């Protein structure tokens, strides 16, 4: 509940009655964004209480009797999925409707569009994402059985309108995701775009001279395209630091072999990761899937470091090509190597891009503006 002492938030006080937030006991890959969101909510003066979950979900949850529920990565949808296995597919939706609780869903992936929530599988991006496409491509756990089960459940939920009928407002992280929902025929709430933000206040400024390295930071997974970066490093000889861990680590280390210009630093804490980003010539994000946003492409800009990223998904909305970094076609080793070479050979241009990126970060990705827009959406939903 926003307090009157928080400046602009005081105008919202009385228009809505608080946050109700559902989450899973076991965090998934978006736990970082989820925790960051809770921190932003708390910093705004809103009160958050942890209470036991509703019996229909079997989940731990944060909610009150106040008229608002916000979900992360479809926690409400996850709740419905569990209810469906109990042969009560809309038990939780009915509970919310009976209580008069509107639902705002933060979209972090494509779980509302396809049984394969990432729209990525062993063959690459599944541009269709339909029932038969998911099954034929083994889009869930690389298994025909798991894919068929997930596709049937998703088709059933979609047929009875569990998602489109019960979600009052969607919040998209990027214009790309919003456009994809429109293209896929989403008939529910149109939603608004509110990009992610990250709090870098208090972080040291970028040193006058960087160390000339290219840094990758993220999970070592097939969606991240790290093998493309290693091949680009092989062709250019440019020093590369790879931060993170994941299922592809051993395969990537075998690929790098005896290369002396590629270092695997393993998983580092946030402070250490930011320090490596700050000292780097550029951060490379060679993703090969449709990144809904790409937080790892935003953080370096806030530190004054340019970004070289794949021109795919929401990344194209985060990077301004030629100004805050470069966008290259995904899976294109030649293009990535050329962009890395250009930034590596011209430290002055890299510094200029870094400065523009930091300026854009400070003006377009401020926490204050982010919170103002979020609370505005919440107030609109409750008032309607």
Protein backbone atom coordinates (compact mmCIF):
# COMPACT_ATOMS: atom_id res chain seq x y z
CA UNK A 1 0.00 0.00 0.00
CA UNK A 2 1.83 3.14 -1.17
CA UNK A 3 2.55 5.62 1.59
CA UNK A 4 1.97 9.35 1.23
CA UNK A 5 5.62 10.09 1.96
CA UNK A 6 6.82 8.65 -1.34
CA UNK A 7 6.37 11.63 -3.61
CA UNK A 8 4.58 10.78 -6.83
CA UNK A 9 3.23 7.56 -5.38
CA UNK A 10 1.09 9.57 -2.98
CA UNK A 11 -1.35 10.33 -5.81
CA UNK A 12 -2.02 6.61 -6.15
CA UNK A 13 -2.82 6.03 -2.49
CA UNK A 14 -6.48 5.15 -2.07
CA UNK A 15 -6.98 4.17 -5.71
CA UNK A 16 -5.97 0.57 -5.09
CA UNK A 17 -5.55 -1.54 -2.03
CA UNK A 18 -2.28 -3.38 -2.37
CA UNK A 19 -0.51 -6.20 -4.15
CA UNK A 20 -1.40 -9.84 -4.26
CA UNK A 21 1.45 -11.81 -5.79
CA UNK A 22 1.56 -15.52 -6.57
CA UNK A 23 4.84 -17.34 -6.96
CA UNK A 24 6.23 -20.85 -6.98
CA UNK A 25 8.07 -22.28 -4.02
CA UNK A 26 10.78 -23.48 -6.41
CA UNK A 27 11.87 -20.48 -8.47
CA UNK A 28 12.42 -21.00 -12.17
CA UNK A 29 14.70 -19.13 -14.52
CA UNK A 30 12.95 -15.79 -13.95
CA UNK A 31 13.51 -15.77 -10.19
CA UNK A 32 16.00 -12.95 -10.60
CA UNK A 33 13.47 -10.68 -12.30
CA UNK A 34 10.82 -11.76 -9.80
CA UNK A 35 13.02 -10.92 -6.81
CA UNK A 36 14.00 -7.63 -8.42
CA UNK A 37 10.33 -6.78 -8.91
CA UNK A 38 9.53 -7.48 -5.26
CA UNK A 39 12.44 -5.26 -4.26
CA UNK A 40 11.06 -2.46 -6.44
CA UNK A 41 7.61 -2.88 -4.92
CA UNK A 42 9.01 -2.68 -1.41
CA UNK A 43 11.12 0.36 -2.27
CA UNK A 44 7.97 2.18 -3.40
CA UNK A 45 6.47 1.87 0.06
CA UNK A 46 4.05 -0.95 -0.73
CA UNK A 47 3.51 -3.57 1.96
CA UNK A 48 3.98 -7.23 1.04
CA UNK A 49 2.85 -10.11 3.24
CA UNK A 50 3.56 -13.82 2.85
CA UNK A 51 0.57 -16.06 3.49
CA UNK A 52 -0.20 -19.76 2.80
CA UNK A 53 -1.46 -20.62 -0.66
CA UNK A 54 -5.06 -21.23 -1.59
CA UNK A 55 -6.03 -24.94 -1.39
CA UNK A 56 -6.87 -25.02 -5.10
CA UNK A 57 -3.25 -24.30 -6.03
CA UNK A 58 -1.11 -26.15 -3.54
CA UNK A 59 1.35 -23.28 -4.01
CA UNK A 60 2.89 -20.86 -1.60
CA UNK A 61 1.59 -17.42 -2.43
CA UNK A 62 1.62 -13.78 -1.50
CA UNK A 63 -1.89 -12.46 -1.48
CA UNK A 64 -4.40 -10.53 0.54
CA UNK A 65 -8.12 -9.84 0.15
CA UNK A 66 -7.20 -6.69 -1.73
CA UNK A 67 -8.47 -6.66 -5.34
CA UNK A 68 -5.32 -7.42 -7.27
CA UNK A 69 -3.29 -10.44 -8.27
CA UNK A 70 -0.05 -10.24 -10.22
CA UNK A 71 1.67 -13.33 -11.53
CA UNK A 72 5.27 -14.04 -12.51
CA UNK A 73 5.89 -16.27 -15.55
CA UNK A 74 2.29 -17.37 -15.33
CA UNK A 75 2.24 -18.49 -11.70
CA UNK A 76 -1.54 -18.28 -11.94
CA UNK A 77 -1.36 -20.40 -15.07
CA UNK A 78 0.85 -22.83 -13.21
CA UNK A 79 -1.77 -22.94 -10.48
CA UNK A 80 -4.41 -23.71 -13.07
CA UNK A 81 -2.23 -26.43 -14.49
CA UNK A 82 -2.01 -28.10 -11.11
CA UNK A 83 -5.77 -27.77 -10.67
CA UNK A 84 -6.19 -29.35 -14.12
CA UNK A 85 -4.30 -32.42 -12.99
CA UNK A 86 -6.82 -32.59 -10.17
CA UNK A 87 -9.59 -32.48 -12.80
CA UNK A 88 -10.46 -28.91 -11.78
CA UNK A 89 -8.90 -26.90 -14.62
CA UNK A 90 -10.52 -23.61 -13.69
CA UNK A 91 -10.75 -24.04 -9.91
CA UNK A 92 -8.42 -21.20 -9.12
CA UNK A 93 -9.83 -18.94 -11.84
CA UNK A 94 -13.31 -19.52 -10.41
CA UNK A 95 -12.00 -18.69 -6.95
CA UNK A 96 -10.57 -15.40 -8.18
CA UNK A 97 -13.73 -14.53 -10.14
CA UNK A 98 -15.90 -15.22 -7.13
CA UNK A 99 -13.69 -12.98 -5.02
CA UNK A 100 -13.84 -10.24 -7.66
CA UNK A 101 -10.08 -10.26 -8.05
CA UNK A 102 -8.71 -8.96 -11.37
CA UNK A 103 -5.55 -10.60 -12.66
CA UNK A 104 -2.50 -8.87 -14.08
CA UNK A 105 0.02 -11.26 -15.66
CA UNK A 106 3.63 -10.29 -16.26
CA UNK A 107 4.71 -12.06 -19.45
CA UNK A 108 8.25 -13.46 -19.22
CA UNK A 109 8.02 -16.11 -21.93
CA UNK A 110 5.56 -17.64 -24.42
CA UNK A 111 3.62 -19.97 -22.10
CA UNK A 112 0.36 -18.25 -23.06
CA UNK A 113 0.95 -18.97 -26.74
CA UNK A 114 2.29 -22.51 -26.87
CA UNK A 115 2.85 -25.68 -24.84
CA UNK A 116 6.56 -25.06 -25.54
CA UNK A 117 6.95 -21.93 -23.41
CA UNK A 118 10.31 -20.98 -24.97
CA UNK A 119 9.28 -21.68 -28.59
CA UNK A 120 12.74 -23.24 -28.94
CA UNK A 121 13.71 -26.87 -29.38
CA UNK A 122 16.42 -29.08 -30.85
CA UNK A 123 15.65 -27.72 -34.32
CA UNK A 124 15.78 -24.07 -33.31
CA UNK A 125 12.92 -21.57 -33.05
CA UNK A 126 9.44 -23.08 -33.41
CA UNK A 127 7.76 -20.26 -35.32
CA UNK A 128 4.42 -22.10 -35.31
CA UNK A 129 4.14 -23.39 -31.76
CA UNK A 130 0.92 -25.26 -32.52
CA UNK A 131 -0.24 -28.58 -31.08
CA UNK A 132 1.20 -30.64 -33.92
CA UNK A 133 4.33 -28.56 -34.21
CA UNK A 134 5.21 -29.02 -30.53
CA UNK A 135 4.60 -32.78 -30.72
CA UNK A 136 6.40 -33.34 -34.03
CA UNK A 137 9.43 -31.32 -32.93
CA UNK A 138 9.46 -32.81 -29.41
CA UNK A 139 9.32 -29.29 -28.06
CA UNK A 140 8.86 -30.27 -24.40
CA UNK A 141 11.78 -32.08 -22.74
CA UNK A 142 12.79 -33.42 -26.18
CA UNK A 143 10.18 -36.14 -25.68
CA UNK A 144 7.19 -37.18 -27.79
CA UNK A 145 5.27 -38.25 -24.69
CA UNK A 146 5.98 -35.11 -22.65
CA UNK A 147 5.24 -32.94 -25.68
CA UNK A 148 1.93 -34.68 -26.34
CA UNK A 149 0.82 -34.39 -22.71
CA UNK A 150 1.75 -30.70 -22.55
CA UNK A 151 0.13 -29.98 -25.92
CA UNK A 152 -3.15 -31.65 -24.88
CA UNK A 153 -3.28 -29.73 -21.60
CA UNK A 154 -2.51 -26.44 -23.35
CA UNK A 155 -5.10 -27.08 -26.08
CA UNK A 156 -7.73 -27.87 -23.43
CA UNK A 157 -7.00 -24.70 -21.45
CA UNK A 158 -7.09 -22.61 -24.58
CA UNK A 159 -10.34 -24.19 -25.78
CA UNK A 160 -12.18 -23.29 -22.58
CA UNK A 161 -10.54 -19.86 -22.47
CA UNK A 162 -8.78 -20.24 -19.14
CA UNK A 163 -6.09 -17.75 -20.11
CA UNK A 164 -7.84 -15.22 -22.32
CA UNK A 165 -11.04 -14.98 -20.26
CA UNK A 166 -9.46 -14.63 -16.86
CA UNK A 167 -6.48 -12.33 -17.36
CA UNK A 168 -7.51 -8.70 -17.18
CA UNK A 169 -4.23 -7.11 -18.24
CA UNK A 170 -0.91 -8.31 -19.62
CA UNK A 171 2.39 -6.54 -19.06
CA UNK A 172 4.94 -7.28 -21.78
CA UNK A 173 8.68 -6.76 -21.35
CA UNK A 174 9.19 -5.63 -24.95
CA UNK A 175 7.39 -4.51 -28.08
CA UNK A 176 8.50 -7.71 -29.77
CA UNK A 177 6.58 -9.89 -27.32
CA UNK A 178 3.47 -7.74 -27.59
CA UNK A 179 3.60 -7.92 -31.41
CA UNK A 180 4.09 -11.69 -31.29
CA UNK A 181 0.97 -12.07 -29.14
CA UNK A 182 -1.00 -10.07 -31.70
CA UNK A 183 0.44 -12.12 -34.57
CA UNK A 184 -0.44 -15.39 -32.82
CA UNK A 185 -4.06 -14.33 -32.47
CA UNK A 186 -4.23 -13.61 -28.75
CA UNK A 187 -7.81 -12.47 -28.18
CA UNK A 188 -7.55 -11.55 -24.52
CA UNK A 189 -6.29 -8.40 -22.83
CA UNK A 190 -4.08 -6.40 -25.19
CA UNK A 191 -1.74 -5.32 -22.45
CA UNK A 192 1.00 -2.72 -22.23
CA UNK A 193 4.77 -2.74 -22.66
CA UNK A 194 6.76 -1.98 -19.54
CA UNK A 195 10.44 -2.93 -19.98
CA UNK A 196 12.43 -4.47 -17.16
CA UNK A 197 14.73 -2.25 -15.15
CA UNK A 198 17.74 -2.92 -12.95
CA UNK A 199 19.00 -0.89 -10.02
CA UNK A 200 22.61 0.14 -10.68
CA UNK A 201 22.66 3.08 -8.30
CA UNK A 202 25.86 3.12 -6.32
CA UNK A 203 27.75 1.09 -8.91
CA UNK A 204 31.22 2.37 -9.80
CA UNK A 205 31.67 4.20 -13.08
CA UNK A 206 33.40 2.56 -16.00
CA UNK A 207 37.20 2.99 -15.89
CA UNK A 208 38.77 5.40 -18.36
CA UNK A 209 40.46 2.47 -20.12
CA UNK A 210 38.83 -0.95 -20.42
CA UNK A 211 40.72 -4.25 -20.46
CA UNK A 212 39.90 -5.09 -24.08
CA UNK A 213 37.95 -8.27 -23.35
CA UNK A 214 34.58 -9.40 -24.65
CA UNK A 215 32.31 -10.76 -21.90
CA UNK A 216 29.43 -13.21 -22.07
CA UNK A 217 27.30 -13.62 -18.93
CA UNK A 218 24.43 -16.08 -18.73
CA UNK A 219 23.33 -19.67 -18.53
CA UNK A 220 25.33 -22.01 -20.73
CA UNK A 221 22.34 -23.34 -22.60
CA UNK A 222 21.68 -24.09 -26.26
CA UNK A 223 19.42 -21.01 -26.52
CA UNK A 224 22.30 -18.65 -25.72
CA UNK A 225 24.46 -19.25 -28.78
CA UNK A 226 27.76 -19.42 -26.88
CA UNK A 227 29.16 -21.82 -29.47
CA UNK A 228 28.82 -19.00 -32.04
CA UNK A 229 30.81 -16.68 -29.77
CA UNK A 230 33.57 -19.26 -29.29
CA UNK A 231 33.90 -19.72 -33.05
CA UNK A 232 34.02 -15.93 -33.54
CA UNK A 233 36.76 -15.77 -30.88
CA UNK A 234 38.67 -18.50 -32.73
CA UNK A 235 38.59 -16.50 -35.96
CA UNK A 236 39.51 -13.15 -34.42
CA UNK A 237 41.80 -14.07 -31.55
CA UNK A 238 39.97 -11.50 -29.38
CA UNK A 239 40.02 -12.35 -25.64
CA UNK A 240 36.65 -13.61 -24.39
CA UNK A 241 35.46 -14.25 -20.83
CA UNK A 242 32.50 -16.61 -20.39
CA UNK A 243 30.65 -16.17 -17.09
CA UNK A 244 28.04 -18.71 -16.09
CA UNK A 245 27.30 -22.39 -15.86
CA UNK A 246 24.78 -24.76 -17.36
CA UNK A 247 24.14 -28.01 -19.22
CA UNK A 248 26.27 -27.04 -22.23
CA UNK A 249 29.42 -26.14 -20.30
CA UNK A 250 31.38 -29.35 -20.99
CA UNK A 251 30.50 -29.29 -24.69
CA UNK A 252 31.55 -25.66 -24.96
CA UNK A 253 34.83 -26.33 -23.17
CA UNK A 254 35.53 -29.16 -25.60
CA UNK A 255 34.79 -26.80 -28.48
CA UNK A 256 37.20 -24.19 -27.11
CA UNK A 257 39.86 -26.86 -26.63
CA UNK A 258 43.29 -25.31 -26.21
CA UNK A 259 42.22 -21.78 -27.18
CA UNK A 260 44.13 -19.40 -24.91
CA UNK A 261 41.89 -16.39 -25.62
CA UNK A 262 38.72 -17.98 -24.17
CA UNK A 263 38.30 -18.23 -20.40
CA UNK A 264 35.49 -20.03 -18.58
CA UNK A 265 35.02 -18.23 -15.27
CA UNK A 266 32.08 -20.29 -14.02
CA UNK A 267 29.14 -18.86 -12.10
CA UNK A 268 29.96 -15.58 -10.35
CA UNK A 269 27.87 -13.52 -7.98
CA UNK A 270 26.13 -10.40 -9.26
CA UNK A 271 28.74 -7.95 -8.00
CA UNK A 272 31.60 -9.84 -9.66
CA UNK A 273 29.65 -10.21 -12.91
CA UNK A 274 28.96 -6.47 -13.03
CA UNK A 275 32.64 -5.78 -12.38
CA UNK A 276 33.67 -7.89 -15.37
CA UNK A 277 31.04 -6.14 -17.52
CA UNK A 278 32.29 -2.73 -16.37
CA UNK A 279 35.89 -3.48 -17.29
CA UNK A 280 35.12 -5.11 -20.64
CA UNK A 281 35.44 -3.58 -24.10
CA UNK A 282 31.97 -4.98 -24.87
CA UNK A 283 29.42 -7.50 -23.66
CA UNK A 284 28.28 -10.10 -26.22
CA UNK A 285 24.76 -11.57 -26.22
CA UNK A 286 24.72 -14.12 -29.09
CA UNK A 287 21.30 -15.61 -28.32
CA UNK A 288 19.69 -17.83 -30.95
CA UNK A 289 16.15 -17.86 -29.53
CA UNK A 290 13.54 -15.14 -29.21
CA UNK A 291 14.72 -13.44 -26.02
CA UNK A 292 11.63 -11.77 -24.55
CA UNK A 293 13.81 -8.91 -23.32
CA UNK A 294 17.43 -9.59 -22.44
CA UNK A 295 18.33 -8.15 -19.05
CA UNK A 296 21.97 -9.03 -19.69
CA UNK A 297 21.91 -6.59 -22.62
CA UNK A 298 20.55 -3.79 -20.43
CA UNK A 299 22.92 -4.04 -17.46
CA UNK A 300 26.13 -3.30 -19.43
CA UNK A 301 24.60 -0.16 -20.90
CA UNK A 302 23.90 1.09 -17.39
CA UNK A 303 27.60 0.57 -16.65
CA UNK A 304 28.77 2.36 -19.79
CA UNK A 305 29.77 -0.75 -21.76
CA UNK A 306 28.54 -1.29 -25.34
CA UNK A 307 26.69 -4.47 -26.30
CA UNK A 308 26.95 -6.73 -29.32
CA UNK A 309 23.76 -8.77 -29.51
CA UNK A 310 21.78 -10.98 -31.85
CA UNK A 311 19.06 -9.16 -33.74
CA UNK A 312 16.37 -11.44 -32.38
CA UNK A 313 13.40 -11.15 -30.04
CA UNK A 314 13.32 -8.34 -27.54
CA UNK A 315 17.05 -7.70 -27.85
CA UNK A 316 16.34 -5.50 -30.85
CA UNK A 317 14.28 -3.26 -28.56
CA UNK A 318 17.08 -2.93 -26.00
CA UNK A 319 20.02 -2.10 -28.29
CA UNK A 320 20.16 0.89 -30.65
CA UNK A 321 22.25 -0.41 -33.55
CA UNK A 322 25.30 1.74 -34.23
CA UNK A 323 24.72 3.90 -31.15
CA UNK A 324 24.71 1.75 -27.99
CA UNK A 325 26.19 -1.31 -29.68
CA UNK A 326 25.66 -3.56 -32.66
CA UNK A 327 22.92 -5.98 -33.67
CA UNK A 328 23.98 -8.96 -35.77
CA UNK A 329 22.00 -11.81 -37.34
CA UNK A 330 21.70 -14.80 -35.00
CA UNK A 331 23.79 -17.87 -35.84
CA UNK A 332 26.07 -15.75 -38.06
CA UNK A 333 29.70 -16.27 -37.01
CA UNK A 334 31.06 -13.93 -39.69
CA UNK A 335 28.80 -11.04 -38.68
CA UNK A 336 29.53 -11.52 -34.99
CA UNK A 337 33.27 -11.72 -35.60
CA UNK A 338 33.16 -8.54 -37.71
CA UNK A 339 31.27 -6.61 -34.99
CA UNK A 340 33.68 -7.83 -32.31
CA UNK A 341 36.65 -6.84 -34.46
CA UNK A 342 35.22 -3.37 -35.08
CA UNK A 343 34.69 -2.67 -31.39
CA UNK A 344 38.00 -4.25 -30.39
CA UNK A 345 40.01 -2.24 -32.94
CA UNK A 346 38.40 1.10 -32.05
CA UNK A 347 38.35 1.72 -28.28
CA UNK A 348 37.25 5.30 -28.84
CA UNK A 349 34.12 4.19 -30.68
CA UNK A 350 33.48 1.64 -27.95
CA UNK A 351 33.74 4.38 -25.33
CA UNK A 352 31.36 6.59 -27.30
CA UNK A 353 28.81 3.80 -27.57
CA UNK A 354 29.16 3.05 -23.89
CA UNK A 355 28.49 6.68 -23.01
CA UNK A 356 25.39 6.78 -25.22
CA UNK A 357 24.19 3.51 -23.72
CA UNK A 358 24.52 4.82 -20.18
CA UNK A 359 22.69 8.02 -21.10
CA UNK A 360 19.85 6.02 -22.66
CA UNK A 361 19.74 3.71 -19.64
CA UNK A 362 19.38 6.64 -17.25
CA UNK A 363 16.60 8.30 -19.24
CA UNK A 364 14.54 5.34 -20.45
CA UNK A 365 15.05 2.65 -17.83
CA UNK A 366 14.71 4.50 -14.54
CA UNK A 367 13.21 2.66 -11.60
CA UNK A 368 11.02 5.64 -10.76
CA UNK A 369 9.39 5.66 -14.20
CA UNK A 370 9.05 1.86 -14.14
CA UNK A 371 7.20 1.91 -10.81
CA UNK A 372 5.00 4.80 -11.87
CA UNK A 373 3.86 2.89 -14.94
CA UNK A 374 3.30 -0.34 -13.01
CA UNK A 375 1.17 1.30 -10.34
CA UNK A 376 -0.74 3.15 -13.03
CA UNK A 377 -1.68 -0.19 -14.64
CA UNK A 378 -2.70 -1.67 -11.28
CA UNK A 379 -4.86 1.34 -10.49
CA UNK A 380 -6.57 1.20 -13.90
CA UNK A 381 -7.38 -2.50 -13.52
CA UNK A 382 -8.84 -2.11 -10.07
CA UNK A 383 -10.82 1.01 -10.96
CA UNK A 384 -12.34 -0.78 -13.96
